[in-house]
PDB file of N, CA and C in Angstrom:
ATOM      1  N   MET A   1      91.217  95.626 112.647  1.00  0.00           N
ATOM      2  CA  MET A   1      91.820  96.477 111.645  1.00  0.00           C
ATOM      3  C   MET A   1      91.678  95.748 110.295  1.00  0.00           C
ATOM      4  N   PRO A   2      91.183  96.482 109.248  1.00  0.00           N
ATOM      5  CA  PRO A   2      91.044  95.848 107.928  1.00  0.00           C
ATOM      6  C   PRO A   2      92.398  95.456 107.342  1.00  0.00           C
ATOM      7  N   LEU A   3      92.360  94.426 106.515  1.00  0.00           N
ATOM      8  CA  LEU A   3      93.612  93.892 105.972  1.00  0.00           C
ATOM      9  C   LEU A   3      94.299  94.874 105.021  1.00  0.00           C
ATOM     10  N   TRP A   4      93.554  95.707 104.326  1.00  0.00           N
ATOM     11  CA  TRP A   4      94.149  96.621 103.338  1.00  0.00           C
ATOM     12  C   TRP A   4      94.903  97.783 104.035  1.00  0.00           C
ATOM     13  N   THR A   5      94.821  97.859 105.332  1.00  0.00           N
ATOM     14  CA  THR A   5      95.579  98.900 106.066  1.00  0.00           C
ATOM     15  C   THR A   5      96.896  98.385 106.590  1.00  0.00           C
ATOM     16  N   GLU A   6      97.224  97.135 106.292  1.00  0.00           N
ATOM     17  CA  GLU A   6      98.481  96.549 106.729  1.00  0.00           C
ATOM     18  C   GLU A   6      99.551  96.735 105.659  1.00  0.00           C
ATOM     19  N   TRP A   7     100.730  97.153 106.046  1.00  0.00           N
ATOM     20  CA  TRP A   7     101.807  97.413 105.074  1.00  0.00           C
ATOM     21  C   TRP A   7     102.259  96.147 104.396  1.00  0.00           C
ATOM     22  N   TRP A   8     102.294  95.025 105.107  1.00  0.00           N
ATOM     23  CA  TRP A   8     102.820  93.786 104.541  1.00  0.00           C
ATOM     24  C   TRP A   8     101.897  93.210 103.455  1.00  0.00           C
ATOM     25  N   VAL A   9     100.623  93.562 103.501  1.00  0.00           N
ATOM     26  CA  VAL A   9      99.702  93.108 102.454  1.00  0.00           C
ATOM     27  C   VAL A   9     100.064  93.772 101.136  1.00  0.00           C
ATOM     28  N   TRP A  10     100.373  95.080 101.208  1.00  0.00           N
ATOM     29  CA  TRP A  10     100.746  95.803  99.980  1.00  0.00           C
ATOM     30  C   TRP A  10     102.100  95.326  99.488  1.00  0.00           C
ATOM     31  N   MET A  11     103.028  95.040 100.358  1.00  0.00           N
ATOM     32  CA  MET A  11     104.343  94.524  99.936  1.00  0.00           C
ATOM     33  C   MET A  11     104.214  93.139  99.341  1.00  0.00           C
ATOM     34  N   SER A  12     103.359  92.307  99.891  1.00  0.00           N
ATOM     35  CA  SER A  12     103.117  90.971  99.307  1.00  0.00           C
ATOM     36  C   SER A  12     102.493  91.100  97.932  1.00  0.00           C
ATOM     37  N   GLY A  13     101.572  92.032  97.781  1.00  0.00           N
ATOM     38  CA  GLY A  13     100.988  92.283  96.468  1.00  0.00           C
ATOM     39  C   GLY A  13     102.022  92.774  95.463  1.00  0.00           C
ATOM     40  N   ALA A  14     102.921  93.610  95.937  1.00  0.00           N
ATOM     41  CA  ALA A  14     104.008  94.114  95.058  1.00  0.00           C
ATOM     42  C   ALA A  14     104.902  92.961  94.611  1.00  0.00           C
ATOM     43  N   LEU A  15     105.200  92.061  95.517  1.00  0.00           N
ATOM     44  CA  LEU A  15     106.045  90.910  95.206  1.00  0.00           C
ATOM     45  C   LEU A  15     105.364  90.009  94.175  1.00  0.00           C
ATOM     46  N   ILE A  16     104.059  89.775  94.348  1.00  0.00           N
ATOM     47  CA  ILE A  16     103.300  88.957  93.422  1.00  0.00           C
ATOM     48  C   ILE A  16     103.254  89.599  92.044  1.00  0.00           C
ATOM     49  N   LEU A  17     102.990  90.934  92.003  1.00  0.00           N
ATOM     50  CA  LEU A  17     102.961  91.622  90.724  1.00  0.00           C
ATOM     51  C   LEU A  17     104.315  91.668  90.052  1.00  0.00           C
ATOM     52  N   ALA A  18     105.367  91.807  90.828  1.00  0.00           N
ATOM     53  CA  ALA A  18     106.722  91.795  90.231  1.00  0.00           C
ATOM     54  C   ALA A  18     107.053  90.408  89.697  1.00  0.00           C
ATOM     55  N   THR A  19     106.608  89.372  90.373  1.00  0.00           N
ATOM     56  CA  THR A  19     106.794  88.006  89.834  1.00  0.00           C
ATOM     57  C   THR A  19     106.038  87.805  88.532  1.00  0.00           C
ATOM     58  N   LEU A  20     104.800  88.350  88.481  1.00  0.00           N
ATOM     59  CA  LEU A  20     104.022  88.263  87.226  1.00  0.00           C
ATOM     60  C   LEU A  20     104.736  89.015  86.113  1.00  0.00           C
ATOM     61  N   GLU A  21     105.405  90.109  86.450  1.00  0.00           N
ATOM     62  CA  GLU A  21     106.122  90.857  85.431  1.00  0.00           C
ATOM     63  C   GLU A  21     107.305  90.051  84.856  1.00  0.00           C
ATOM     64  N   VAL A  22     107.929  89.256  85.699  1.00  0.00           N
ATOM     65  CA  VAL A  22     109.002  88.406  85.238  1.00  0.00           C
ATOM     66  C   VAL A  22     108.475  87.301  84.326  1.00  0.00           C
ATOM     67  N   LEU A  23     107.324  86.761  84.668  1.00  0.00           N
ATOM     68  CA  LEU A  23     106.725  85.678  83.876  1.00  0.00           C
ATOM     69  C   LEU A  23     106.098  86.182  82.597  1.00  0.00           C
ATOM     70  N   ILE A  24     105.502  87.363  82.652  1.00  0.00           N
ATOM     71  CA  ILE A  24     104.828  87.989  81.502  1.00  0.00           C
ATOM     72  C   ILE A  24     105.396  89.381  81.297  1.00  0.00           C
ATOM     73  N   PRO A  25     106.557  89.478  80.639  1.00  0.00           N
ATOM     74  CA  PRO A  25     107.231  90.800  80.509  1.00  0.00           C
ATOM     75  C   PRO A  25     106.465  91.772  79.648  1.00  0.00           C
ATOM     76  N   GLY A  26     106.672  93.036  79.889  1.00  0.00           N
ATOM     77  CA  GLY A  26     106.045  94.083  79.097  1.00  0.00           C
ATOM     78  C   GLY A  26     105.894  95.375  79.856  1.00  0.00           C
ATOM     79  N   TYR A  27     106.390  95.483  81.040  1.00  0.00           N
ATOM     80  CA  TYR A  27     106.339  96.680  81.871  1.00  0.00           C
ATOM     81  C   TYR A  27     104.898  97.034  82.218  1.00  0.00           C
ATOM     82  N   ILE A  28     103.987  96.089  82.227  1.00  0.00           N
ATOM     83  CA  ILE A  28     102.605  96.348  82.628  1.00  0.00           C
ATOM     84  C   ILE A  28     102.469  96.150  84.152  1.00  0.00           C
ATOM     85  N   PHE A  29     102.795  94.963  84.622  1.00  0.00           N
ATOM     86  CA  PHE A  29     102.664  94.659  86.016  1.00  0.00           C
ATOM     87  C   PHE A  29     103.689  95.370  86.882  1.00  0.00           C
ATOM     88  N   LEU A  30     104.793  95.788  86.294  1.00  0.00           N
ATOM     89  CA  LEU A  30     105.844  96.434  87.058  1.00  0.00           C
ATOM     90  C   LEU A  30     105.385  97.798  87.605  1.00  0.00           C
ATOM     91  N   GLY A  31     104.602  98.524  86.827  1.00  0.00           N
ATOM     92  CA  GLY A  31     104.058  99.794  87.316  1.00  0.00           C
ATOM     93  C   GLY A  31     103.157  99.584  88.514  1.00  0.00           C
ATOM     94  N   PHE A  32     102.315  98.553  88.461  1.00  0.00           N
ATOM     95  CA  PHE A  32     101.450  98.243  89.580  1.00  0.00           C
ATOM     96  C   PHE A  32     102.254  97.743  90.781  1.00  0.00           C
ATOM     97  N   ALA A  33     103.322  96.985  90.500  1.00  0.00           N
ATOM     98  CA  ALA A  33     104.141  96.495  91.622  1.00  0.00           C
ATOM     99  C   ALA A  33     104.855  97.651  92.321  1.00  0.00           C
ATOM    100  N   ILE A  34     105.368  98.599  91.585  1.00  0.00           N
ATOM    101  CA  ILE A  34     105.998  99.760  92.190  1.00  0.00           C
ATOM    102  C   ILE A  34     104.982 100.587  92.958  1.00  0.00           C
ATOM    103  N   GLY A  35     103.791 100.769  92.405  1.00  0.00           N
ATOM    104  CA  GLY A  35     102.717 101.465  93.111  1.00  0.00           C
ATOM    105  C   GLY A  35     102.344 100.801  94.417  1.00  0.00           C
ATOM    106  N   ALA A  36     102.244  99.463  94.401  1.00  0.00           N
ATOM    107  CA  ALA A  36     101.883  98.741  95.596  1.00  0.00           C
ATOM    108  C   ALA A  36     103.023  98.807  96.636  1.00  0.00           C
ATOM    109  N   ALA A  37     104.278  98.757  96.171  1.00  0.00           N
ATOM    110  CA  ALA A  37     105.407  98.878  97.109  1.00  0.00           C
ATOM    111  C   ALA A  37     105.446 100.297  97.731  1.00  0.00           C
ATOM    112  N   MET A  38     105.200 101.300  96.920  1.00  0.00           N
ATOM    113  CA  MET A  38     105.176 102.674  97.493  1.00  0.00           C
ATOM    114  C   MET A  38     104.015 102.825  98.474  1.00  0.00           C
ATOM    115  N   MET A  39     102.871 102.196  98.158  1.00  0.00           N
ATOM    116  CA  MET A  39     101.730 102.275  99.070  1.00  0.00           C
ATOM    117  C   MET A  39     102.069 101.561 100.391  1.00  0.00           C
ATOM    118  N   GLY A  40     102.765 100.412 100.283  1.00  0.00           N
ATOM    119  CA  GLY A  40     103.184  99.713 101.499  1.00  0.00           C
ATOM    120  C   GLY A  40     104.168 100.536 102.312  1.00  0.00           C
ATOM    121  N   LEU A  41     105.080 101.237 101.662  1.00  0.00           N
ATOM    122  CA  LEU A  41     105.992 102.116 102.407  1.00  0.00           C
ATOM    123  C   LEU A  41     105.284 103.284 103.072  1.00  0.00           C
ATOM    124  N   LEU A  42     104.298 103.854 102.371  1.00  0.00           N
ATOM    125  CA  LEU A  42     103.536 104.942 102.981  1.00  0.00           C
ATOM    126  C   LEU A  42     102.804 104.482 104.239  1.00  0.00           C
ATOM    127  N   ILE A  43     102.190 103.313 104.167  1.00  0.00           N
ATOM    128  CA  ILE A  43     101.489 102.771 105.340  1.00  0.00           C
ATOM    129  C   ILE A  43     102.472 102.399 106.452  1.00  0.00           C
ATOM    130  N   LEU A  44     103.632 101.856 106.049  1.00  0.00           N
ATOM    131  CA  LEU A  44     104.650 101.518 107.054  1.00  0.00           C
ATOM    132  C   LEU A  44     105.109 102.727 107.836  1.00  0.00           C
ATOM    133  N   PHE A  45     105.253 103.855 107.146  1.00  0.00           N
ATOM    134  CA  PHE A  45     105.715 105.085 107.790  1.00  0.00           C
ATOM    135  C   PHE A  45     104.571 105.889 108.429  1.00  0.00           C
ATOM    136  N   GLY A  46     103.370 105.326 108.439  1.00  0.00           N
ATOM    137  CA  GLY A  46     102.270 105.942 109.155  1.00  0.00           C
ATOM    138  C   GLY A  46     101.403 106.871 108.326  1.00  0.00           C
ATOM    139  N   ILE A  47     101.612 106.949 107.018  1.00  0.00           N
ATOM    140  CA  ILE A  47     100.771 107.775 106.159  1.00  0.00           C
ATOM    141  C   ILE A  47      99.749 106.877 105.512  1.00  0.00           C
ATOM    142  N   SER A  48      98.517 106.962 105.963  1.00  0.00           N
ATOM    143  CA  SER A  48      97.488 106.104 105.383  1.00  0.00           C
ATOM    144  C   SER A  48      96.219 106.909 105.115  1.00  0.00           C
ATOM    145  N   ALA A  49      95.406 106.410 104.232  1.00  0.00           N
ATOM    146  CA  ALA A  49      94.146 107.047 103.854  1.00  0.00           C
ATOM    147  C   ALA A  49      93.063 106.631 104.857  1.00  0.00           C
ATOM    148  N   SER A  50      91.986 107.405 104.878  1.00  0.00           N
ATOM    149  CA  SER A  50      90.926 107.114 105.836  1.00  0.00           C
ATOM    150  C   SER A  50      89.962 106.049 105.381  1.00  0.00           C
ATOM    151  N   GLY A  51      89.910 105.782 104.109  1.00  0.00           N
ATOM    152  CA  GLY A  51      88.967 104.778 103.607  1.00  0.00           C
ATOM    153  C   GLY A  51      89.553 103.924 102.496  1.00  0.00           C
ATOM    154  N   PHE A  52      88.840 102.845 102.188  1.00  0.00           N
ATOM    155  CA  PHE A  52      89.326 101.927 101.160  1.00  0.00           C
ATOM    156  C   PHE A  52      89.354 102.588  99.785  1.00  0.00           C
ATOM    157  N   ALA A  53      88.355 103.385  99.448  1.00  0.00           N
ATOM    158  CA  ALA A  53      88.303 104.036  98.154  1.00  0.00           C
ATOM    159  C   ALA A  53      89.462 104.983  97.979  1.00  0.00           C
ATOM    160  N   LEU A  54      89.744 105.780  98.975  1.00  0.00           N
ATOM    161  CA  LEU A  54      90.881 106.733  98.869  1.00  0.00           C
ATOM    162  C   LEU A  54      92.211 105.989  98.797  1.00  0.00           C
ATOM    163  N   THR A  55      92.323 104.874  99.490  1.00  0.00           N
ATOM    164  CA  THR A  55      93.532 104.074  99.408  1.00  0.00           C
ATOM    165  C   THR A  55      93.726 103.545  97.990  1.00  0.00           C
ATOM    166  N   LEU A  56      92.657 103.108  97.353  1.00  0.00           N
ATOM    167  CA  LEU A  56      92.782 102.627  95.949  1.00  0.00           C
ATOM    168  C   LEU A  56      93.100 103.762  94.998  1.00  0.00           C
ATOM    169  N   VAL A  57      92.580 104.950  95.266  1.00  0.00           N
ATOM    170  CA  VAL A  57      92.913 106.097  94.397  1.00  0.00           C
ATOM    171  C   VAL A  57      94.381 106.461  94.543  1.00  0.00           C
ATOM    172  N   ILE A  58      94.907 106.457  95.735  1.00  0.00           N
ATOM    173  CA  ILE A  58      96.323 106.750  95.962  1.00  0.00           C
ATOM    174  C   ILE A  58      97.195 105.705  95.275  1.00  0.00           C
ATOM    175  N   PHE A  59      96.791 104.406  95.420  1.00  0.00           N
ATOM    176  CA  PHE A  59      97.520 103.321  94.751  1.00  0.00           C
ATOM    177  C   PHE A  59      97.487 103.490  93.226  1.00  0.00           C
ATOM    178  N   SER A  60      96.356 103.876  92.708  1.00  0.00           N
ATOM    179  CA  SER A  60      96.233 104.095  91.245  1.00  0.00           C
ATOM    180  C   SER A  60      97.111 105.229  90.770  1.00  0.00           C
ATOM    181  N   VAL A  61      97.139 106.305  91.509  1.00  0.00           N
ATOM    182  CA  VAL A  61      97.945 107.466  91.124  1.00  0.00           C
ATOM    183  C   VAL A  61      99.445 107.117  91.200  1.00  0.00           C
ATOM    184  N   LEU A  62      99.843 106.403  92.248  1.00  0.00           N
ATOM    185  CA  LEU A  62     101.241 105.989  92.394  1.00  0.00           C
ATOM    186  C   LEU A  62     101.624 105.048  91.267  1.00  0.00           C
ATOM    187  N   SER A  63     100.739 104.111  90.891  1.00  0.00           N
ATOM    188  CA  SER A  63     101.018 103.190  89.809  1.00  0.00           C
ATOM    189  C   SER A  63     101.130 103.920  88.483  1.00  0.00           C
ATOM    190  N   LEU A  64     100.250 104.889  88.251  1.00  0.00           N
ATOM    191  CA  LEU A  64     100.292 105.653  87.012  1.00  0.00           C
ATOM    192  C   LEU A  64     101.584 106.455  86.895  1.00  0.00           C
ATOM    193  N   ILE A  65     101.960 107.096  87.987  1.00  0.00           N
ATOM    194  CA  ILE A  65     103.190 107.886  87.973  1.00  0.00           C
ATOM    195  C   ILE A  65     104.404 106.978  87.714  1.00  0.00           C
ATOM    196  N   SER A  66     104.450 105.834  88.366  1.00  0.00           N
ATOM    197  CA  SER A  66     105.586 104.934  88.139  1.00  0.00           C
ATOM    198  C   SER A  66     105.595 104.385  86.719  1.00  0.00           C
ATOM    199  N   TYR A  67     104.423 104.094  86.148  1.00  0.00           N
ATOM    200  CA  TYR A  67     104.357 103.652  84.752  1.00  0.00           C
ATOM    201  C   TYR A  67     104.851 104.727  83.799  1.00  0.00           C
ATOM    202  N   LEU A  68     104.445 105.966  84.023  1.00  0.00           N
ATOM    203  CA  LEU A  68     104.874 107.041  83.144  1.00  0.00           C
ATOM    204  C   LEU A  68     106.367 107.303  83.239  1.00  0.00           C
ATOM    205  N   VAL A  69     106.903 107.216  84.452  1.00  0.00           N
ATOM    206  CA  VAL A  69     108.352 107.393  84.611  1.00  0.00           C
ATOM    207  C   VAL A  69     109.106 106.270  83.922  1.00  0.00           C
ATOM    208  N   MET A  70     108.634 105.043  84.072  1.00  0.00           N
ATOM    209  CA  MET A  70     109.306 103.930  83.386  1.00  0.00           C
ATOM    210  C   MET A  70     109.190 104.051  81.868  1.00  0.00           C
ATOM    211  N   ARG A  71     108.043 104.502  81.403  1.00  0.00           N
ATOM    212  CA  ARG A  71     107.871 104.671  79.976  1.00  0.00           C
ATOM    213  C   ARG A  71     108.837 105.727  79.397  1.00  0.00           C
ATOM    214  N   LYS A  72     109.022 106.798  80.159  1.00  0.00           N
ATOM    215  CA  LYS A  72     109.962 107.827  79.717  1.00  0.00           C
ATOM    216  C   LYS A  72     111.403 107.333  79.812  1.00  0.00           C
ATOM    217  N   TYR A  73     111.717 106.559  80.816  1.00  0.00           N
ATOM    218  CA  TYR A  73     113.092 106.083  81.032  1.00  0.00           C
ATOM    219  C   TYR A  73     113.470 104.965  80.073  1.00  0.00           C
ATOM    220  N   PHE A  74     112.579 104.018  79.825  1.00  0.00           N
ATOM    221  CA  PHE A  74     112.918 102.832  79.039  1.00  0.00           C
ATOM    222  C   PHE A  74     112.543 102.966  77.559  1.00  0.00           C
ATOM    223  N   ALA A  75     111.838 103.997  77.151  1.00  0.00           N
ATOM    224  CA  ALA A  75     111.376 104.128  75.782  1.00  0.00           C
ATOM    225  C   ALA A  75     112.552 104.468  74.832  1.00  0.00           C
ATOM    226  N   LEU A  76     112.355 104.062  73.578  1.00  0.00           N
ATOM    227  CA  LEU A  76     113.315 104.444  72.556  1.00  0.00           C
ATOM    228  C   LEU A  76     113.166 105.940  72.255  1.00  0.00           C
ATOM    229  N   LYS A  77     114.223 106.569  71.839  1.00  0.00           N
ATOM    230  CA  LYS A  77     114.167 107.974  71.470  1.00  0.00           C
ATOM    231  C   LYS A  77     113.244 108.141  70.279  1.00  0.00           C
ATOM    232  N   THR A  78     112.641 109.332  70.139  1.00  0.00           N
ATOM    233  CA  THR A  78     111.757 109.607  69.033  1.00  0.00           C
ATOM    234  C   THR A  78     112.484 109.448  67.697  1.00  0.00           C
ATOM    235  N   GLY A  79     111.878 108.648  66.837  1.00  0.00           N
ATOM    236  CA  GLY A  79     112.468 108.414  65.529  1.00  0.00           C
ATOM    237  C   GLY A  79     113.540 107.346  65.497  1.00  0.00           C
ATOM    238  N   GLN A  80     113.894 106.819  66.670  1.00  0.00           N
ATOM    239  CA  GLN A  80     114.917 105.795  66.741  1.00  0.00           C
ATOM    240  C   GLN A  80     114.275 104.429  66.434  1.00  0.00           C
ATOM    241  N   VAL A  81     114.976 103.680  65.604  1.00  0.00           N
ATOM    242  CA  VAL A  81     114.517 102.337  65.240  1.00  0.00           C
ATOM    243  C   VAL A  81     115.597 101.348  65.672  1.00  0.00           C
ATOM    244  N   LYS A  82     115.179 100.238  66.222  1.00  0.00           N
ATOM    245  CA  LYS A  82     116.121  99.229  66.631  1.00  0.00           C
ATOM    246  C   LYS A  82     116.538  98.428  65.403  1.00  0.00           C
ATOM    247  N   ILE A  83     117.828  98.423  65.078  1.00  0.00           N
ATOM    248  CA  ILE A  83     118.363  97.719  63.914  1.00  0.00           C
ATOM    249  C   ILE A  83     119.248  96.576  64.366  1.00  0.00           C
ATOM    250  N   TRP A  84     118.963  95.409  63.866  1.00  0.00           N
ATOM    251  CA  TRP A  84     119.754  94.216  64.219  1.00  0.00           C
ATOM    252  C   TRP A  84     120.851  94.066  63.159  1.00  0.00           C
ATOM    253  N   GLU A  85     122.087  94.035  63.619  1.00  0.00           N
ATOM    254  CA  GLU A  85     123.234  93.908  62.735  1.00  0.00           C
ATOM    255  C   GLU A  85     123.580  92.460  62.393  1.00  0.00           C
ATOM    256  N   THR A  86     123.320  91.587  63.337  1.00  0.00           N
ATOM    257  CA  THR A  86     123.628  90.156  63.158  1.00  0.00           C
ATOM    258  C   THR A  86     122.403  89.327  63.385  1.00  0.00           C
ATOM    259  N   ASP A  87     122.429  88.142  62.819  1.00  0.00           N
ATOM    260  CA  ASP A  87     121.344  87.194  62.990  1.00  0.00           C
ATOM    261  C   ASP A  87     121.695  86.264  64.157  1.00  0.00           C
ATOM    262  N   VAL A  88     120.705  85.798  64.860  1.00  0.00           N
ATOM    263  CA  VAL A  88     120.958  84.922  65.980  1.00  0.00           C
ATOM    264  C   VAL A  88     121.551  83.601  65.537  1.00  0.00           C
ATOM    265  N   ASN A  89     121.346  83.211  64.292  1.00  0.00           N
ATOM    266  CA  ASN A  89     121.857  81.950  63.792  1.00  0.00           C
ATOM    267  C   ASN A  89     123.276  82.049  63.248  1.00  0.00           C
ATOM    268  N   ASP A  90     123.861  83.230  63.215  1.00  0.00           N
ATOM    269  CA  ASP A  90     125.235  83.397  62.680  1.00  0.00           C
ATOM    270  C   ASP A  90     126.271  82.986  63.680  1.00  0.00           C
TER     271      ASP A  90
END
């Protein structure tokens, strides 16, 4: 059985990507980590693609959806500007 069909490989990848997100913040790797975790859960529950290319497409779509949801959830409101009232040295 190929390695990319194992659920734990996707979960390990998600853990590595989430660790990268902690080290290099910016919500870039977090979308891929969530996509990999969802792909691992799909495979764990028996829903898997028939080929490697289709598996990568599903992972890409899941990552894109999670990135867009995070962008909507964590983004500043339109026209909103972050204003600092105090200085860190005060």
